[in-house]
């Protein structure tokens, strides 16, 4: 895998891998020290822990809009699982062809309701 030339290409390659449920490829786009933060301040500090969680979600991405400012990429999308569809906004910071941070905003109540049904 050759690193892409710009931040948007890095993020879109990562999301394509996740959308295809190719989690090993998705992991390659994450920096070893990536920080992933959610809407309630929860955080993953290990790319492997984050990818493990994504494997469990098995979501698909319906991308609505992408904004780029140098090494910052913001993606607006619906995250679709078998039981819930929720609108997300994720801000990705990219350095040297790797995602070094992800800050995601969404309404976590849909996932809380999903957990209650289990």
N, C-alpha and C. Protein backbone atom coordinates (compact mmCIF):
# COMPACT_ATOMS: atom_id res chain seq x y z
N UNK A 1 0.85 -1.18 0.00
CA UNK A 1 0.00 0.00 0.00
C UNK A 1 0.89 1.23 0.00
N UNK A 2 0.77 2.05 -1.01
CA UNK A 2 1.50 3.30 -1.07
C UNK A 2 0.66 4.40 -0.44
N UNK A 3 1.27 5.23 0.42
CA UNK A 3 0.48 6.30 1.04
C UNK A 3 -0.07 7.24 -0.03
N UNK A 4 -1.30 7.66 0.09
CA UNK A 4 -1.87 8.60 -0.88
C UNK A 4 -1.23 9.97 -0.76
N UNK A 5 -1.52 10.81 -1.71
CA UNK A 5 -0.91 12.12 -1.78
C UNK A 5 -1.58 13.15 -0.89
N UNK A 6 -2.83 12.95 -0.52
CA UNK A 6 -3.48 13.99 0.27
C UNK A 6 -4.39 13.39 1.34
N UNK A 7 -4.81 14.27 2.23
CA UNK A 7 -5.61 13.85 3.39
C UNK A 7 -6.95 13.26 2.98
N UNK A 8 -7.61 13.86 2.00
CA UNK A 8 -8.91 13.36 1.57
C UNK A 8 -8.77 11.93 1.05
N UNK A 9 -7.78 11.67 0.26
CA UNK A 9 -7.58 10.33 -0.29
C UNK A 9 -7.33 9.32 0.83
N UNK A 10 -6.57 9.71 1.84
CA UNK A 10 -6.32 8.83 2.98
C UNK A 10 -7.62 8.47 3.68
N UNK A 11 -8.42 9.49 4.01
CA UNK A 11 -9.67 9.26 4.73
C UNK A 11 -10.65 8.45 3.90
N UNK A 12 -10.78 8.78 2.63
CA UNK A 12 -11.73 8.05 1.79
C UNK A 12 -11.30 6.59 1.60
N UNK A 13 -10.00 6.34 1.53
CA UNK A 13 -9.51 4.96 1.43
C UNK A 13 -9.82 4.19 2.70
N UNK A 14 -9.65 4.84 3.84
CA UNK A 14 -9.98 4.24 5.14
C UNK A 14 -11.47 3.91 5.22
N UNK A 15 -12.32 4.87 4.85
CA UNK A 15 -13.76 4.65 4.92
C UNK A 15 -14.22 3.58 3.92
N UNK A 16 -13.60 3.55 2.76
CA UNK A 16 -13.93 2.51 1.77
C UNK A 16 -13.61 1.12 2.34
N UNK A 17 -12.46 1.01 3.00
CA UNK A 17 -12.09 -0.28 3.61
C UNK A 17 -13.10 -0.67 4.69
N UNK A 18 -13.49 0.28 5.54
CA UNK A 18 -14.49 -0.01 6.57
C UNK A 18 -15.83 -0.40 5.93
N UNK A 19 -16.23 0.34 4.90
CA UNK A 19 -17.50 0.07 4.25
C UNK A 19 -17.51 -1.33 3.62
N UNK A 20 -16.36 -1.77 3.15
CA UNK A 20 -16.22 -3.11 2.57
C UNK A 20 -15.95 -4.17 3.64
N UNK A 21 -15.94 -3.75 4.90
CA UNK A 21 -15.66 -4.63 6.04
C UNK A 21 -14.29 -5.31 5.89
N UNK A 22 -13.35 -4.56 5.32
CA UNK A 22 -11.96 -5.00 5.19
C UNK A 22 -11.17 -4.30 6.31
N UNK A 23 -11.33 -4.81 7.51
CA UNK A 23 -10.82 -4.15 8.71
C UNK A 23 -9.29 -4.15 8.78
N UNK A 24 -8.66 -5.16 8.21
CA UNK A 24 -7.19 -5.18 8.20
C UNK A 24 -6.66 -4.04 7.34
N UNK A 25 -7.29 -3.80 6.20
CA UNK A 25 -6.87 -2.66 5.36
C UNK A 25 -7.18 -1.34 6.03
N UNK A 26 -8.35 -1.24 6.68
CA UNK A 26 -8.70 0.00 7.38
C UNK A 26 -7.66 0.32 8.45
N UNK A 27 -7.22 -0.69 9.18
CA UNK A 27 -6.22 -0.49 10.24
C UNK A 27 -4.95 0.13 9.70
N UNK A 28 -4.57 -0.20 8.48
CA UNK A 28 -3.32 0.31 7.89
C UNK A 28 -3.35 1.81 7.67
N UNK A 29 -4.54 2.41 7.60
CA UNK A 29 -4.66 3.85 7.40
C UNK A 29 -4.58 4.62 8.71
N UNK A 30 -4.61 3.92 9.85
CA UNK A 30 -4.57 4.58 11.15
C UNK A 30 -3.14 4.63 11.67
N UNK A 31 -2.74 5.79 12.19
CA UNK A 31 -1.44 5.90 12.84
C UNK A 31 -1.41 5.05 14.10
N UNK A 32 -0.22 4.62 14.48
CA UNK A 32 -0.08 3.75 15.65
C UNK A 32 -0.50 4.45 16.95
N UNK A 33 -0.48 5.77 16.96
CA UNK A 33 -0.86 6.53 18.16
C UNK A 33 -2.16 7.31 17.94
N UNK A 34 -3.01 6.82 17.04
CA UNK A 34 -4.27 7.53 16.74
C UNK A 34 -5.10 7.70 18.01
N UNK A 35 -5.75 8.84 18.11
CA UNK A 35 -6.69 9.11 19.19
C UNK A 35 -8.07 9.24 18.57
N UNK A 36 -9.00 8.40 19.00
CA UNK A 36 -10.36 8.41 18.47
C UNK A 36 -11.29 8.81 19.61
N UNK A 37 -11.98 9.96 19.43
CA UNK A 37 -12.85 10.48 20.48
C UNK A 37 -14.29 10.48 20.02
N UNK A 38 -15.19 10.07 20.93
CA UNK A 38 -16.61 10.04 20.65
C UNK A 38 -17.34 11.21 21.27
N UNK A 39 -18.67 11.24 21.12
CA UNK A 39 -19.45 12.40 21.53
C UNK A 39 -19.53 12.64 23.03
N UNK A 40 -19.30 11.62 23.84
CA UNK A 40 -19.39 11.79 25.30
C UNK A 40 -18.01 11.85 25.95
N UNK A 41 -16.99 12.08 25.13
CA UNK A 41 -15.63 12.17 25.67
C UNK A 41 -14.91 10.84 25.75
N UNK A 42 -15.62 9.74 25.41
CA UNK A 42 -14.95 8.44 25.43
C UNK A 42 -13.88 8.42 24.34
N UNK A 43 -12.85 7.63 24.56
CA UNK A 43 -11.73 7.64 23.62
C UNK A 43 -11.11 6.26 23.48
N UNK A 44 -10.62 6.02 22.29
CA UNK A 44 -9.78 4.86 22.01
C UNK A 44 -8.38 5.40 21.76
N UNK A 45 -7.40 4.83 22.42
CA UNK A 45 -6.02 5.26 22.24
C UNK A 45 -5.20 4.20 21.51
N UNK A 46 -5.86 3.12 21.13
CA UNK A 46 -5.20 2.04 20.39
C UNK A 46 -5.96 1.81 19.09
N UNK A 47 -5.28 1.86 17.96
CA UNK A 47 -5.98 1.60 16.71
C UNK A 47 -6.56 0.19 16.65
N UNK A 48 -5.90 -0.76 17.28
CA UNK A 48 -6.40 -2.13 17.26
C UNK A 48 -7.69 -2.27 18.07
N UNK A 49 -7.79 -1.59 19.20
CA UNK A 49 -9.03 -1.61 19.99
C UNK A 49 -10.17 -0.96 19.21
N UNK A 50 -9.87 0.13 18.52
CA UNK A 50 -10.90 0.82 17.74
C UNK A 50 -11.38 -0.07 16.59
N UNK A 51 -10.46 -0.68 15.88
CA UNK A 51 -10.85 -1.56 14.77
C UNK A 51 -11.64 -2.76 15.29
N UNK A 52 -11.29 -3.26 16.45
CA UNK A 52 -12.04 -4.37 17.04
C UNK A 52 -13.50 -3.95 17.29
N UNK A 53 -13.71 -2.74 17.78
CA UNK A 53 -15.06 -2.24 18.00
C UNK A 53 -15.79 -2.09 16.66
N UNK A 54 -15.09 -1.59 15.64
CA UNK A 54 -15.72 -1.42 14.34
C UNK A 54 -16.11 -2.77 13.72
N UNK A 55 -15.31 -3.80 13.96
CA UNK A 55 -15.66 -5.15 13.48
C UNK A 55 -17.00 -5.59 14.07
N UNK A 56 -17.23 -5.25 15.32
CA UNK A 56 -18.49 -5.64 15.98
C UNK A 56 -19.67 -4.86 15.40
N UNK A 57 -19.47 -3.60 15.06
CA UNK A 57 -20.56 -2.76 14.53
C UNK A 57 -20.95 -3.19 13.11
N UNK A 58 -19.96 -3.55 12.30
CA UNK A 58 -20.18 -3.96 10.91
C UNK A 58 -21.07 -2.98 10.15
N UNK A 59 -20.75 -1.69 10.30
CA UNK A 59 -21.56 -0.64 9.68
C UNK A 59 -21.18 -0.35 8.25
N UNK A 60 -22.11 0.30 7.57
CA UNK A 60 -21.90 0.78 6.21
C UNK A 60 -21.97 2.31 6.25
N UNK A 61 -21.36 2.94 5.26
CA UNK A 61 -21.25 4.39 5.21
C UNK A 61 -22.00 4.95 4.01
N UNK A 62 -22.96 5.84 4.27
CA UNK A 62 -23.63 6.58 3.21
C UNK A 62 -23.16 8.02 3.33
N UNK A 63 -22.10 8.34 2.61
CA UNK A 63 -21.44 9.64 2.73
C UNK A 63 -22.27 10.72 2.04
N UNK A 64 -22.53 11.79 2.78
CA UNK A 64 -23.34 12.90 2.30
C UNK A 64 -22.49 14.06 1.79
N UNK A 65 -21.38 14.36 2.50
CA UNK A 65 -20.55 15.51 2.16
C UNK A 65 -19.17 15.36 2.78
N UNK A 66 -18.14 15.84 2.07
CA UNK A 66 -16.77 15.82 2.56
C UNK A 66 -16.20 17.22 2.43
N UNK A 67 -15.61 17.72 3.52
CA UNK A 67 -14.96 19.03 3.54
C UNK A 67 -13.48 18.81 3.83
N UNK A 68 -12.62 19.54 3.14
CA UNK A 68 -11.17 19.38 3.32
C UNK A 68 -10.53 20.74 3.56
N UNK A 69 -9.64 20.79 4.54
CA UNK A 69 -8.83 21.98 4.81
C UNK A 69 -7.43 21.48 5.16
N UNK A 70 -6.56 21.48 4.17
CA UNK A 70 -5.19 20.97 4.34
C UNK A 70 -5.21 19.52 4.82
N UNK A 71 -4.72 19.26 6.03
CA UNK A 71 -4.66 17.90 6.57
C UNK A 71 -5.88 17.53 7.41
N UNK A 72 -6.90 18.38 7.41
CA UNK A 72 -8.14 18.12 8.13
C UNK A 72 -9.23 17.74 7.12
N UNK A 73 -9.97 16.69 7.46
CA UNK A 73 -11.07 16.23 6.61
C UNK A 73 -12.29 16.03 7.51
N UNK A 74 -13.41 16.59 7.12
CA UNK A 74 -14.67 16.39 7.84
C UNK A 74 -15.62 15.64 6.91
N UNK A 75 -16.20 14.56 7.43
CA UNK A 75 -17.12 13.74 6.64
C UNK A 75 -18.47 13.70 7.35
N UNK A 76 -19.53 14.03 6.61
CA UNK A 76 -20.89 13.92 7.10
C UNK A 76 -21.49 12.68 6.44
N UNK A 77 -22.09 11.79 7.26
CA UNK A 77 -22.56 10.52 6.70
C UNK A 77 -23.59 9.87 7.61
N UNK A 78 -24.36 8.98 7.00
CA UNK A 78 -25.21 8.08 7.76
C UNK A 78 -24.40 6.81 8.00
N UNK A 79 -24.36 6.38 9.26
CA UNK A 79 -23.73 5.11 9.62
C UNK A 79 -24.86 4.11 9.78
N UNK A 80 -24.81 3.06 8.99
CA UNK A 80 -25.92 2.12 8.88
C UNK A 80 -25.50 0.75 9.39
N UNK A 81 -26.22 0.26 10.40
CA UNK A 81 -26.01 -1.11 10.87
C UNK A 81 -27.30 -1.88 10.59
N UNK A 82 -27.31 -3.14 10.96
CA UNK A 82 -28.51 -3.96 10.73
C UNK A 82 -29.71 -3.45 11.51
N UNK A 83 -29.46 -2.74 12.62
CA UNK A 83 -30.57 -2.33 13.48
C UNK A 83 -30.78 -0.83 13.58
N UNK A 84 -29.82 -0.02 13.14
CA UNK A 84 -29.96 1.43 13.33
C UNK A 84 -29.21 2.18 12.22
N UNK A 85 -29.76 3.33 11.86
CA UNK A 85 -29.09 4.28 10.97
C UNK A 85 -29.00 5.59 11.73
N UNK A 86 -27.79 6.13 11.85
CA UNK A 86 -27.57 7.35 12.62
C UNK A 86 -26.67 8.29 11.83
N UNK A 87 -26.98 9.59 11.87
CA UNK A 87 -26.18 10.60 11.20
C UNK A 87 -24.93 10.90 12.04
N UNK A 88 -23.78 10.93 11.40
CA UNK A 88 -22.50 11.18 12.04
C UNK A 88 -21.79 12.35 11.36
N UNK A 89 -20.93 13.00 12.12
CA UNK A 89 -19.94 13.93 11.58
C UNK A 89 -18.61 13.54 12.19
N UNK A 90 -17.63 13.26 11.35
CA UNK A 90 -16.31 12.88 11.85
C UNK A 90 -15.24 13.81 11.27
N UNK A 91 -14.37 14.27 12.18
CA UNK A 91 -13.27 15.15 11.81
C UNK A 91 -11.98 14.33 11.92
N UNK A 92 -11.30 14.18 10.80
CA UNK A 92 -10.07 13.39 10.70
C UNK A 92 -8.89 14.33 10.53
N UNK A 93 -7.83 14.05 11.28
CA UNK A 93 -6.56 14.76 11.09
C UNK A 93 -5.58 13.74 10.52
N UNK A 94 -4.89 14.13 9.44
CA UNK A 94 -4.00 13.23 8.72
C UNK A 94 -2.60 13.79 8.72
N UNK A 95 -1.63 12.90 8.92
CA UNK A 95 -0.22 13.29 8.85
C UNK A 95 0.56 12.16 8.18
N UNK A 96 1.32 12.50 7.16
CA UNK A 96 2.16 11.53 6.46
C UNK A 96 1.37 10.31 5.97
N UNK A 97 0.16 10.54 5.46
CA UNK A 97 -0.64 9.47 4.90
C UNK A 97 -1.33 8.57 5.90
N UNK A 98 -1.32 8.98 7.18
CA UNK A 98 -1.99 8.20 8.24
C UNK A 98 -2.95 9.09 9.01
N UNK A 99 -4.06 8.51 9.43
CA UNK A 99 -5.01 9.23 10.27
C UNK A 99 -4.46 9.25 11.69
N UNK A 100 -4.27 10.45 12.26
CA UNK A 100 -3.69 10.55 13.60
C UNK A 100 -4.73 10.88 14.66
N UNK A 101 -5.90 11.39 14.24
CA UNK A 101 -6.99 11.60 15.19
C UNK A 101 -8.32 11.60 14.47
N UNK A 102 -9.34 11.16 15.21
CA UNK A 102 -10.72 11.17 14.72
C UNK A 102 -11.59 11.68 15.86
N UNK A 103 -12.37 12.71 15.59
CA UNK A 103 -13.34 13.24 16.55
C UNK A 103 -14.71 13.07 15.91
N UNK A 104 -15.57 12.27 16.52
CA UNK A 104 -16.87 11.96 15.93
C UNK A 104 -18.00 12.48 16.80
N UNK A 105 -18.99 13.08 16.14
CA UNK A 105 -20.17 13.59 16.82
C UNK A 105 -21.40 12.88 16.23
N UNK A 106 -22.23 12.35 17.12
CA UNK A 106 -23.48 11.72 16.72
C UNK A 106 -24.36 11.60 17.96
N UNK A 107 -25.61 11.25 17.75
CA UNK A 107 -26.53 11.06 18.86
C UNK A 107 -26.41 9.61 19.34
N UNK A 108 -25.79 9.38 20.49
CA UNK A 108 -25.54 8.00 20.94
C UNK A 108 -26.79 7.27 21.43
N UNK A 109 -27.92 7.97 21.53
CA UNK A 109 -29.14 7.32 22.03
C UNK A 109 -29.57 6.15 21.15
N UNK A 110 -29.34 6.23 19.85
CA UNK A 110 -29.73 5.13 18.96
C UNK A 110 -28.97 3.86 19.31
N UNK A 111 -27.67 4.01 19.65
CA UNK A 111 -26.87 2.85 20.00
C UNK A 111 -27.19 2.35 21.40
N UNK A 112 -27.56 3.27 22.29
CA UNK A 112 -27.97 2.86 23.64
C UNK A 112 -29.24 2.02 23.56
N UNK A 113 -30.19 2.43 22.72
CA UNK A 113 -31.42 1.67 22.54
C UNK A 113 -31.12 0.30 21.95
N UNK A 114 -30.17 0.25 21.04
CA UNK A 114 -29.76 -1.01 20.43
C UNK A 114 -29.18 -1.95 21.48
N UNK A 115 -28.38 -1.41 22.40
CA UNK A 115 -27.78 -2.23 23.47
C UNK A 115 -28.86 -2.75 24.44
N UNK A 116 -29.88 -1.92 24.69
CA UNK A 116 -30.95 -2.34 25.59
C UNK A 116 -31.74 -3.51 25.03
N UNK A 117 -31.84 -3.61 23.71
CA UNK A 117 -32.59 -4.68 23.06
C UNK A 117 -31.87 -6.02 23.11
N UNK A 118 -30.57 -5.98 23.37
CA UNK A 118 -29.78 -7.23 23.39
C UNK A 118 -30.07 -8.04 24.62
